[in-house]
């Protein structure tokens, strides 16, 4: 399994970003996918999740109304659109399947993440 996050960068407060996650090594379309983030000095938190078919979506309260998760099962890619960004959105963002299959490798595998920095 390989998870490659991209799209992060520096953005001013109020700005927007679209993050991507390219997944490989498993049948992407069969798994609920999650976005997580870990801010400086904070624990990793679940930001959003999307079901296999994209019909069921959940967002963390902290990002509700500002974030849109989506997926393209043909391209094995997960997306996260973040708008009206604040400094609280500064974090490394990661994607991951909702459940981990032992055959994929170590349970503690995470991609390299993509850094998002919000500052003026």
C-alpha atoms as a PDB file:
ATOM      1  CA  UNK A   1       0.000   0.000   0.000  1.00  0.00           C
ATOM      2  CA  UNK A   2       1.152   3.487  -0.796  1.00  0.00           C
ATOM      3  CA  UNK A   3      -0.553   6.742   0.125  1.00  0.00           C
ATOM      4  CA  UNK A   4       0.845   9.925  -1.377  1.00  0.00           C
ATOM      5  CA  UNK A   5      -0.606  13.203  -0.174  1.00  0.00           C
ATOM      6  CA  UNK A   6      -0.045  16.450  -2.059  1.00  0.00           C
ATOM      7  CA  UNK A   7      -1.418  19.924  -2.565  1.00  0.00           C
ATOM      8  CA  UNK A   8      -0.349  21.509   0.675  1.00  0.00           C
ATOM      9  CA  UNK A   9       1.498  24.773   1.018  1.00  0.00           C
ATOM     10  CA  UNK A  10       1.319  28.220   2.481  1.00  0.00           C
ATOM     11  CA  UNK A  11      -1.925  30.144   2.387  1.00  0.00           C
ATOM     12  CA  UNK A  12      -3.180  33.343   3.954  1.00  0.00           C
ATOM     13  CA  UNK A  13      -6.091  33.292   6.408  1.00  0.00           C
ATOM     14  CA  UNK A  14      -9.310  33.129   4.473  1.00  0.00           C
ATOM     15  CA  UNK A  15      -7.684  31.268   1.627  1.00  0.00           C
ATOM     16  CA  UNK A  16      -8.376  27.841   0.184  1.00  0.00           C
ATOM     17  CA  UNK A  17      -6.502  24.708  -0.739  1.00  0.00           C
ATOM     18  CA  UNK A  18      -7.311  21.435  -2.405  1.00  0.00           C
ATOM     19  CA  UNK A  19      -5.422  18.441  -1.130  1.00  0.00           C
ATOM     20  CA  UNK A  20      -5.037  15.170  -2.993  1.00  0.00           C
ATOM     21  CA  UNK A  21      -4.189  11.651  -1.956  1.00  0.00           C
ATOM     22  CA  UNK A  22      -3.061   9.117  -4.523  1.00  0.00           C
ATOM     23  CA  UNK A  23      -3.650   5.593  -3.257  1.00  0.00           C
ATOM     24  CA  UNK A  24      -2.213   2.367  -4.599  1.00  0.00           C
ATOM     25  CA  UNK A  25      -1.685  -1.225  -3.571  1.00  0.00           C
ATOM     26  CA  UNK A  26      -5.264  -1.917  -2.569  1.00  0.00           C
ATOM     27  CA  UNK A  27      -8.726  -1.768  -4.098  1.00  0.00           C
ATOM     28  CA  UNK A  28      -9.426   1.864  -3.370  1.00  0.00           C
ATOM     29  CA  UNK A  29     -13.095   1.727  -4.308  1.00  0.00           C
ATOM     30  CA  UNK A  30     -13.839  -0.873  -1.618  1.00  0.00           C
ATOM     31  CA  UNK A  31     -12.814   1.228   1.368  1.00  0.00           C
ATOM     32  CA  UNK A  32     -14.101   4.186   3.271  1.00  0.00           C
ATOM     33  CA  UNK A  33     -11.342   6.770   3.198  1.00  0.00           C
ATOM     34  CA  UNK A  34     -10.382   9.305   5.841  1.00  0.00           C
ATOM     35  CA  UNK A  35      -8.450  12.552   6.019  1.00  0.00           C
ATOM     36  CA  UNK A  36      -6.548  13.241   9.211  1.00  0.00           C
ATOM     37  CA  UNK A  37      -4.415  16.148  10.337  1.00  0.00           C
ATOM     38  CA  UNK A  38      -1.836  16.786  13.013  1.00  0.00           C
ATOM     39  CA  UNK A  39      -1.132  20.328  14.035  1.00  0.00           C
ATOM     40  CA  UNK A  40       2.009  21.465  15.856  1.00  0.00           C
ATOM     41  CA  UNK A  41       1.977  20.106  19.377  1.00  0.00           C
ATOM     42  CA  UNK A  42      -1.381  18.433  18.833  1.00  0.00           C
ATOM     43  CA  UNK A  43      -2.622  14.886  18.487  1.00  0.00           C
ATOM     44  CA  UNK A  44      -3.612  13.566  15.106  1.00  0.00           C
ATOM     45  CA  UNK A  45      -7.318  14.095  14.513  1.00  0.00           C
ATOM     46  CA  UNK A  46      -9.861  12.766  12.050  1.00  0.00           C
ATOM     47  CA  UNK A  47     -11.040  15.563   9.775  1.00  0.00           C
ATOM     48  CA  UNK A  48     -13.374  13.895   7.289  1.00  0.00           C
ATOM     49  CA  UNK A  49     -14.448  10.531   5.963  1.00  0.00           C
ATOM     50  CA  UNK A  50     -16.179   9.337   2.836  1.00  0.00           C
ATOM     51  CA  UNK A  51     -17.768   5.988   2.127  1.00  0.00           C
ATOM     52  CA  UNK A  52     -16.766   3.690  -0.695  1.00  0.00           C
ATOM     53  CA  UNK A  53     -19.364   5.086  -3.055  1.00  0.00           C
ATOM     54  CA  UNK A  54     -19.105   8.653  -1.835  1.00  0.00           C
ATOM     55  CA  UNK A  55     -22.658   8.670  -0.522  1.00  0.00           C
ATOM     56  CA  UNK A  56     -21.895   8.891   3.189  1.00  0.00           C
ATOM     57  CA  UNK A  57     -19.698  11.726   4.386  1.00  0.00           C
ATOM     58  CA  UNK A  58     -18.774  12.902   7.853  1.00  0.00           C
ATOM     59  CA  UNK A  59     -16.837  15.935   9.006  1.00  0.00           C
ATOM     60  CA  UNK A  60     -15.218  16.916  12.260  1.00  0.00           C
ATOM     61  CA  UNK A  61     -17.027  19.696  14.046  1.00  0.00           C
ATOM     62  CA  UNK A  62     -13.927  21.862  13.791  1.00  0.00           C
ATOM     63  CA  UNK A  63     -14.100  21.984   9.983  1.00  0.00           C
ATOM     64  CA  UNK A  64     -17.836  21.612   9.352  1.00  0.00           C
ATOM     65  CA  UNK A  65     -19.012  23.952   6.618  1.00  0.00           C
ATOM     66  CA  UNK A  66     -15.516  24.743   5.363  1.00  0.00           C
ATOM     67  CA  UNK A  67     -14.330  21.386   4.087  1.00  0.00           C
ATOM     68  CA  UNK A  68     -15.431  19.109   1.276  1.00  0.00           C
ATOM     69  CA  UNK A  69     -14.176  15.578   0.940  1.00  0.00           C
ATOM     70  CA  UNK A  70     -14.537  13.760  -2.356  1.00  0.00           C
ATOM     71  CA  UNK A  71     -13.093  10.835  -4.214  1.00  0.00           C
ATOM     72  CA  UNK A  72     -12.487   9.586  -7.727  1.00  0.00           C
ATOM     73  CA  UNK A  73     -12.543   5.804  -7.699  1.00  0.00           C
ATOM     74  CA  UNK A  74     -11.423   5.626 -11.324  1.00  0.00           C
ATOM     75  CA  UNK A  75      -8.254   7.522 -10.443  1.00  0.00           C
ATOM     76  CA  UNK A  76      -7.805   5.994  -6.956  1.00  0.00           C
ATOM     77  CA  UNK A  77      -7.604   9.500  -5.595  1.00  0.00           C
ATOM     78  CA  UNK A  78      -9.049  11.192  -2.538  1.00  0.00           C
ATOM     79  CA  UNK A  79      -9.516  14.955  -2.246  1.00  0.00           C
ATOM     80  CA  UNK A  80     -10.028  17.504   0.482  1.00  0.00           C
ATOM     81  CA  UNK A  81     -11.093  21.049  -0.320  1.00  0.00           C
ATOM     82  CA  UNK A  82     -10.602  23.497   2.545  1.00  0.00           C
ATOM     83  CA  UNK A  83     -11.965  27.033   2.431  1.00  0.00           C
ATOM     84  CA  UNK A  84     -12.027  30.034   4.768  1.00  0.00           C
ATOM     85  CA  UNK A  85      -8.832  28.763   6.293  1.00  0.00           C
ATOM     86  CA  UNK A  86      -7.565  29.887   9.675  1.00  0.00           C
ATOM     87  CA  UNK A  87      -4.327  29.397  11.522  1.00  0.00           C
ATOM     88  CA  UNK A  88      -6.007  26.492  13.300  1.00  0.00           C
ATOM     89  CA  UNK A  89      -5.891  24.607   9.989  1.00  0.00           C
ATOM     90  CA  UNK A  90      -2.096  24.606  10.053  1.00  0.00           C
ATOM     91  CA  UNK A  91      -1.150  20.945  10.167  1.00  0.00           C
ATOM     92  CA  UNK A  92       0.218  18.007   8.263  1.00  0.00           C
ATOM     93  CA  UNK A  93      -2.648  16.326   6.460  1.00  0.00           C
ATOM     94  CA  UNK A  94      -2.804  12.586   5.877  1.00  0.00           C
ATOM     95  CA  UNK A  95      -5.162  10.187   4.168  1.00  0.00           C
ATOM     96  CA  UNK A  96      -5.807   6.585   5.152  1.00  0.00           C
ATOM     97  CA  UNK A  97      -8.356   3.840   4.640  1.00  0.00           C
ATOM     98  CA  UNK A  98     -10.892   3.593   7.439  1.00  0.00           C
ATOM     99  CA  UNK A  99      -9.676   0.089   8.252  1.00  0.00           C
ATOM    100  CA  UNK A 100      -6.303  -1.478   7.803  1.00  0.00           C
ATOM    101  CA  UNK A 101      -5.820  -4.969   6.461  1.00  0.00           C
ATOM    102  CA  UNK A 102      -2.913  -6.850   8.013  1.00  0.00           C
ATOM    103  CA  UNK A 103      -1.740  -8.107   4.628  1.00  0.00           C
ATOM    104  CA  UNK A 104      -1.011  -4.525   3.555  1.00  0.00           C
ATOM    105  CA  UNK A 105       1.854  -4.202   5.975  1.00  0.00           C
ATOM    106  CA  UNK A 106       2.488  -2.525   9.326  1.00  0.00           C
ATOM    107  CA  UNK A 107      -0.601  -1.183  11.032  1.00  0.00           C
ATOM    108  CA  UNK A 108       1.261   2.032  11.864  1.00  0.00           C
ATOM    109  CA  UNK A 109       1.957   2.961   8.227  1.00  0.00           C
ATOM    110  CA  UNK A 110       1.135   6.539   7.247  1.00  0.00           C
ATOM    111  CA  UNK A 111       2.010   8.403   4.103  1.00  0.00           C
ATOM    112  CA  UNK A 112       4.416  11.322   4.270  1.00  0.00           C
ATOM    113  CA  UNK A 113       1.555  13.769   4.586  1.00  0.00           C
ATOM    114  CA  UNK A 114       1.271  17.229   3.069  1.00  0.00           C
ATOM    115  CA  UNK A 115       2.085  20.321   5.106  1.00  0.00           C
ATOM    116  CA  UNK A 116      -0.473  23.110   5.222  1.00  0.00           C
ATOM    117  CA  UNK A 117       0.557  26.407   6.771  1.00  0.00           C
ATOM    118  CA  UNK A 118      -1.915  29.232   7.259  1.00  0.00           C
ATOM    119  CA  UNK A 119      -0.383  32.564   8.184  1.00  0.00           C
ATOM    120  CA  UNK A 120      -0.363  36.174   7.188  1.00  0.00           C
END
